[in-house]
N, C-alpha and C. Protein backbone atom coordinates (compact mmCIF):
# COMPACT_ATOMS: atom_id res chain seq x y z
N MET A 1 109.94 76.91 81.37
CA MET A 1 108.79 75.81 81.35
C MET A 1 107.56 76.10 82.18
N VAL A 2 106.48 75.99 81.37
CA VAL A 2 105.18 76.20 82.24
C VAL A 2 104.56 74.81 82.49
N TYR A 3 104.30 74.71 84.03
CA TYR A 3 103.73 73.48 84.65
C TYR A 3 101.93 73.64 84.46
N GLN A 4 101.70 72.88 83.90
CA GLN A 4 99.98 72.85 83.93
C GLN A 4 99.53 72.03 84.98
N ARG A 5 98.34 72.38 85.54
CA ARG A 5 97.81 71.87 86.68
C ARG A 5 97.34 70.42 86.16
N LEU A 6 97.76 69.38 86.59
CA LEU A 6 97.50 68.11 86.10
C LEU A 6 96.06 67.60 86.97
N SER A 7 95.58 68.00 88.02
CA SER A 7 94.25 67.56 88.52
C SER A 7 93.44 68.69 89.01
N LYS A 8 92.12 68.82 88.79
CA LYS A 8 91.30 69.69 89.36
C LYS A 8 91.04 69.37 90.89
N GLU A 9 91.87 69.44 91.63
CA GLU A 9 91.53 69.10 92.83
C GLU A 9 91.29 70.31 93.92
N ASN A 10 90.31 69.92 94.85
CA ASN A 10 89.93 71.28 95.82
C ASN A 10 90.62 70.75 96.97
N VAL A 11 91.90 71.22 97.24
CA VAL A 11 92.57 70.86 98.43
C VAL A 11 91.81 71.45 99.79
N LYS A 12 91.28 72.66 99.61
CA LYS A 12 90.72 73.14 101.03
C LYS A 12 89.63 72.35 101.42
N LYS A 13 88.72 71.88 100.19
CA LYS A 13 87.58 71.07 100.50
C LYS A 13 88.20 69.71 101.21
N GLU A 14 88.92 69.05 100.61
CA GLU A 14 89.44 67.70 101.20
C GLU A 14 90.18 67.91 102.67
N THR A 15 90.67 68.95 102.84
CA THR A 15 91.38 69.40 104.30
C THR A 15 90.08 69.63 105.25
N ILE A 16 89.05 70.50 104.78
CA ILE A 16 88.02 70.64 105.77
C ILE A 16 87.31 69.20 105.92
N GLY A 17 87.20 68.30 104.95
CA GLY A 17 86.61 66.92 105.26
C GLY A 17 87.24 66.21 106.25
N ILE A 18 88.65 66.15 106.02
CA ILE A 18 89.64 65.39 106.95
C ILE A 18 89.47 66.00 108.53
N CYS A 19 89.44 67.22 108.62
CA CYS A 19 89.50 67.87 109.71
C CYS A 19 88.08 67.62 110.33
N GLN A 20 87.13 67.58 109.69
CA GLN A 20 85.44 67.30 110.13
C GLN A 20 85.68 65.96 110.86
N ALA A 21 86.27 65.05 110.14
CA ALA A 21 86.36 63.76 110.43
C ALA A 21 87.03 63.49 111.95
N ILE A 22 88.10 64.21 111.89
CA ILE A 22 89.02 64.05 113.09
C ILE A 22 88.33 64.79 114.33
N LEU A 23 87.86 65.87 114.05
CA LEU A 23 87.21 66.68 115.08
C LEU A 23 85.68 66.92 114.91
N PRO A 24 85.01 65.92 115.23
CA PRO A 24 83.56 65.92 114.74
C PRO A 24 82.93 67.07 115.64
N GLY A 25 83.24 67.54 116.70
CA GLY A 25 82.57 68.74 117.40
C GLY A 25 82.67 70.15 116.59
N GLY A 26 83.45 70.21 115.67
CA GLY A 26 83.54 71.50 114.96
C GLY A 26 83.25 71.49 113.62
N LYS A 27 82.19 70.45 113.22
CA LYS A 27 82.00 70.31 111.85
C LYS A 27 81.28 71.50 111.28
N GLN A 28 80.35 72.40 112.11
CA GLN A 28 79.71 73.60 111.45
C GLN A 28 80.89 74.57 111.36
N GLU A 29 81.68 74.96 112.16
CA GLU A 29 82.66 75.93 112.25
C GLU A 29 83.89 75.72 111.49
N LEU A 30 84.72 74.52 111.22
CA LEU A 30 85.87 74.25 110.41
C LEU A 30 85.57 74.98 109.06
N PRO A 31 84.68 75.00 108.14
CA PRO A 31 84.91 75.63 107.16
C PRO A 31 85.34 77.08 107.09
N ASP A 32 84.80 77.62 108.17
CA ASP A 32 84.95 79.07 108.54
C ASP A 32 86.23 79.46 109.02
N VAL A 33 86.74 78.37 109.96
CA VAL A 33 88.01 78.48 110.68
C VAL A 33 89.30 78.08 109.86
N ILE A 34 89.32 77.09 108.93
CA ILE A 34 90.23 76.78 107.88
C ILE A 34 90.45 78.12 106.97
N ASP A 35 91.54 78.82 107.23
CA ASP A 35 91.90 80.01 106.52
C ASP A 35 92.51 79.80 105.17
N THR A 36 93.59 79.30 105.07
CA THR A 36 94.55 78.97 103.86
C THR A 36 94.89 77.76 103.82
N VAL A 37 94.82 77.13 102.62
CA VAL A 37 95.14 75.77 102.34
C VAL A 37 96.08 75.52 101.08
N HIS A 38 97.15 75.16 101.03
CA HIS A 38 97.82 74.91 99.89
C HIS A 38 99.13 73.81 99.79
N ARG A 39 99.60 73.38 98.65
CA ARG A 39 100.40 72.50 98.86
C ARG A 39 101.77 73.06 98.61
N LEU A 40 102.74 72.35 99.16
CA LEU A 40 104.20 72.75 99.40
C LEU A 40 104.91 72.45 98.17
N GLY A 41 105.83 73.23 97.95
CA GLY A 41 106.88 73.04 96.77
C GLY A 41 106.09 73.20 95.57
N LYS A 42 107.36 72.80 94.43
CA LYS A 42 106.81 72.96 93.01
C LYS A 42 106.17 71.52 92.65
N MET A 43 105.56 71.78 91.58
CA MET A 43 104.84 70.40 90.91
C MET A 43 106.10 69.75 90.04
N ARG A 44 106.20 68.41 90.42
CA ARG A 44 107.52 67.75 89.88
C ARG A 44 106.79 67.11 88.59
N LEU A 45 107.42 66.94 87.34
CA LEU A 45 107.03 66.56 86.33
C LEU A 45 106.82 64.93 86.22
N ASN A 46 107.86 64.29 86.63
CA ASN A 46 107.69 62.71 86.37
C ASN A 46 107.76 62.21 87.61
N ASP A 47 106.97 62.60 88.60
CA ASP A 47 106.89 62.19 89.86
C ASP A 47 105.26 62.25 90.27
N ASN A 48 104.70 60.69 90.68
CA ASN A 48 103.31 60.79 91.10
C ASN A 48 103.10 60.92 92.43
N ARG A 49 104.15 61.24 93.25
CA ARG A 49 103.85 61.38 94.82
C ARG A 49 103.40 62.68 95.18
N PRO A 50 102.40 62.78 95.93
CA PRO A 50 101.80 63.94 96.25
C PRO A 50 102.48 64.65 96.92
N ARG A 51 102.40 66.24 96.77
CA ARG A 51 102.95 67.05 97.75
C ARG A 51 102.48 67.46 98.99
N GLU A 52 103.12 67.57 100.03
CA GLU A 52 102.50 67.93 101.22
C GLU A 52 101.50 69.18 101.31
N ILE A 53 100.66 69.06 102.01
CA ILE A 53 99.67 70.02 102.26
C ILE A 53 99.88 70.76 103.73
N ILE A 54 99.85 71.90 103.69
CA ILE A 54 99.76 72.85 104.85
C ILE A 54 98.70 73.67 104.89
N PHE A 55 98.12 73.97 106.06
CA PHE A 55 96.93 74.61 106.26
C PHE A 55 97.16 75.68 107.38
N GLN A 56 96.25 76.67 107.41
CA GLN A 56 96.27 77.71 108.60
C GLN A 56 94.87 77.64 109.07
N LEU A 57 94.67 77.77 110.53
CA LEU A 57 93.60 78.06 111.12
C LEU A 57 93.44 79.37 111.48
N SER A 58 92.33 80.00 111.57
CA SER A 58 92.08 81.43 112.15
C SER A 58 91.84 81.57 113.62
N CYS A 59 91.62 80.32 114.38
CA CYS A 59 91.31 80.36 115.49
C CYS A 59 92.19 79.27 116.24
N ARG A 60 92.98 79.62 117.25
CA ARG A 60 93.84 78.92 118.10
C ARG A 60 93.11 77.73 118.62
N THR A 61 91.88 77.98 119.21
CA THR A 61 91.40 76.88 120.03
C THR A 61 90.92 75.59 118.91
N TYR A 62 90.56 76.05 117.67
CA TYR A 62 90.20 74.92 116.82
C TYR A 62 91.68 74.41 116.37
N ARG A 63 92.74 75.05 116.20
CA ARG A 63 93.94 74.53 115.69
C ARG A 63 94.38 73.53 116.80
N ASP A 64 94.39 73.90 118.12
CA ASP A 64 94.85 73.11 119.07
C ASP A 64 93.86 71.74 119.20
N GLY A 65 92.68 71.93 118.80
CA GLY A 65 91.59 70.78 119.05
C GLY A 65 92.11 69.77 117.89
N VAL A 66 92.34 70.32 116.69
CA VAL A 66 92.59 69.44 115.57
C VAL A 66 93.88 68.94 115.63
N TRP A 67 94.85 69.61 116.30
CA TRP A 67 96.19 68.94 116.49
C TRP A 67 96.07 67.95 117.59
N LYS A 68 95.55 68.15 118.56
CA LYS A 68 95.22 67.12 119.43
C LYS A 68 94.48 65.80 119.24
N ALA A 69 93.42 66.03 118.51
CA ALA A 69 92.72 64.98 117.91
C ALA A 69 93.49 64.04 116.87
N ALA A 70 94.40 64.87 116.21
CA ALA A 70 95.08 64.07 115.21
C ALA A 70 96.04 63.32 115.97
N LYS A 71 96.90 63.83 116.92
CA LYS A 71 97.80 62.97 117.71
C LYS A 71 97.24 61.79 118.44
N ASN A 72 95.91 62.14 118.80
CA ASN A 72 95.33 60.85 119.60
C ASN A 72 94.60 60.24 118.82
N LEU A 73 94.81 60.21 117.59
CA LEU A 73 93.98 59.35 116.54
C LEU A 73 94.10 57.89 116.67
N PHE A 74 95.48 57.51 116.93
CA PHE A 74 95.67 56.22 117.01
C PHE A 74 96.09 55.67 118.14
N GLU A 75 95.92 56.64 119.22
CA GLU A 75 96.11 56.05 120.55
C GLU A 75 95.54 55.16 121.27
N GLY A 76 94.12 55.20 121.21
CA GLY A 76 93.20 54.34 121.97
C GLY A 76 93.35 53.03 121.56
N ALA A 77 93.46 52.38 120.29
CA ALA A 77 93.42 51.13 119.90
C ALA A 77 94.32 51.15 118.85
N PRO A 78 95.69 51.29 118.86
CA PRO A 78 96.48 51.40 117.61
C PRO A 78 96.58 50.08 116.95
N SER A 79 96.87 49.03 117.61
CA SER A 79 96.79 47.74 116.73
C SER A 79 95.66 47.51 115.83
N SER A 80 94.65 47.48 116.44
CA SER A 80 93.40 47.24 115.70
C SER A 80 93.02 48.39 114.43
N LEU A 81 93.32 49.51 114.85
CA LEU A 81 93.29 50.47 113.79
C LEU A 81 94.21 50.52 112.72
N HIS A 82 95.49 50.17 113.07
CA HIS A 82 96.49 50.04 111.93
C HIS A 82 96.21 48.77 111.30
N ARG A 83 95.98 47.67 111.85
CA ARG A 83 95.78 46.38 111.27
C ARG A 83 94.56 46.69 110.15
N GLY A 84 93.53 47.21 110.63
CA GLY A 84 92.26 47.32 109.68
C GLY A 84 92.47 48.14 108.65
N SER A 85 93.42 49.12 108.85
CA SER A 85 93.53 50.14 107.67
C SER A 85 94.66 49.63 106.66
N VAL A 86 95.48 48.85 107.02
CA VAL A 86 96.62 48.59 106.41
C VAL A 86 96.55 46.95 105.71
N PRO A 87 96.34 46.82 104.57
CA PRO A 87 96.06 45.47 103.94
C PRO A 87 97.45 44.85 104.12
N LEU A 88 98.68 45.44 103.99
CA LEU A 88 100.06 44.89 104.03
C LEU A 88 100.33 44.51 105.64
N TRP A 89 99.68 44.70 106.55
CA TRP A 89 100.03 44.37 107.87
C TRP A 89 100.57 43.12 108.00
N PRO A 90 99.99 41.88 107.52
CA PRO A 90 100.85 40.69 107.72
C PRO A 90 102.28 40.49 107.09
N VAL A 91 102.40 41.19 106.20
CA VAL A 91 103.72 41.20 105.54
C VAL A 91 104.75 42.02 106.15
N ILE A 92 104.29 43.11 106.89
CA ILE A 92 105.17 43.92 107.78
C ILE A 92 105.57 43.13 109.18
N GLU A 93 104.49 42.46 109.55
CA GLU A 93 104.50 41.39 110.81
C GLU A 93 105.80 40.47 110.37
N ALA A 94 105.49 39.74 109.30
CA ALA A 94 106.29 38.57 109.00
C ALA A 94 107.79 39.25 108.77
N ALA A 95 107.95 40.24 108.10
CA ALA A 95 109.30 40.82 108.12
C ALA A 95 109.87 41.18 109.34
N ARG A 96 109.18 41.75 110.44
CA ARG A 96 109.61 41.86 111.57
C ARG A 96 110.07 40.68 112.55
N GLU A 97 109.37 39.70 112.03
CA GLU A 97 109.57 38.42 112.60
C GLU A 97 110.99 37.82 112.51
N GLU A 98 111.20 38.03 111.25
CA GLU A 98 112.45 37.57 110.28
C GLU A 98 113.58 38.45 110.97
N GLY A 99 113.42 39.60 111.60
CA GLY A 99 114.63 40.57 112.12
C GLY A 99 114.77 41.53 111.26
N LYS A 100 113.99 41.90 110.19
CA LYS A 100 113.91 43.10 109.32
C LYS A 100 113.46 44.15 110.01
N ILE A 101 113.83 45.40 109.43
CA ILE A 101 113.39 46.50 109.95
C ILE A 101 112.04 46.71 108.98
N ALA A 102 110.93 46.65 109.38
CA ALA A 102 109.83 46.96 108.56
C ALA A 102 108.65 47.91 109.14
N TYR A 103 108.09 48.96 108.28
CA TYR A 103 107.18 50.02 108.82
C TYR A 103 106.39 50.36 107.52
N TYR A 104 105.36 50.94 108.00
CA TYR A 104 104.37 51.72 106.94
C TYR A 104 104.36 52.97 106.93
N MET A 105 104.53 53.52 105.84
CA MET A 105 104.65 54.91 105.69
C MET A 105 103.37 55.22 104.61
N GLY A 106 102.25 55.34 105.05
CA GLY A 106 101.05 55.42 103.92
C GLY A 106 100.19 56.57 104.51
N ALA A 107 99.29 56.95 103.64
CA ALA A 107 98.39 58.09 103.57
C ALA A 107 97.22 57.73 104.55
């Protein structure tokens, strides 16, 4: 069976854009430093979930900078950032108040 590519996405371009937003100090260098970008696993037929993306940087200092910036993304003010980006936050809080286990696994 041959899988056809369903979308004409440019995963490398999207990854560079996200990394530039996370690490604004390296906007000029990141397109040259990000070496390979690809999705993991096989394309699934009846599944609309996106596959994970993995990328490799050619410079360790930029890799460490992106990693640190991504980890610290929500540490400064997590409640305000999470509540502003998640429209379902009131539903999650209500479920937690009822004693249910509720969390958000979003993109």
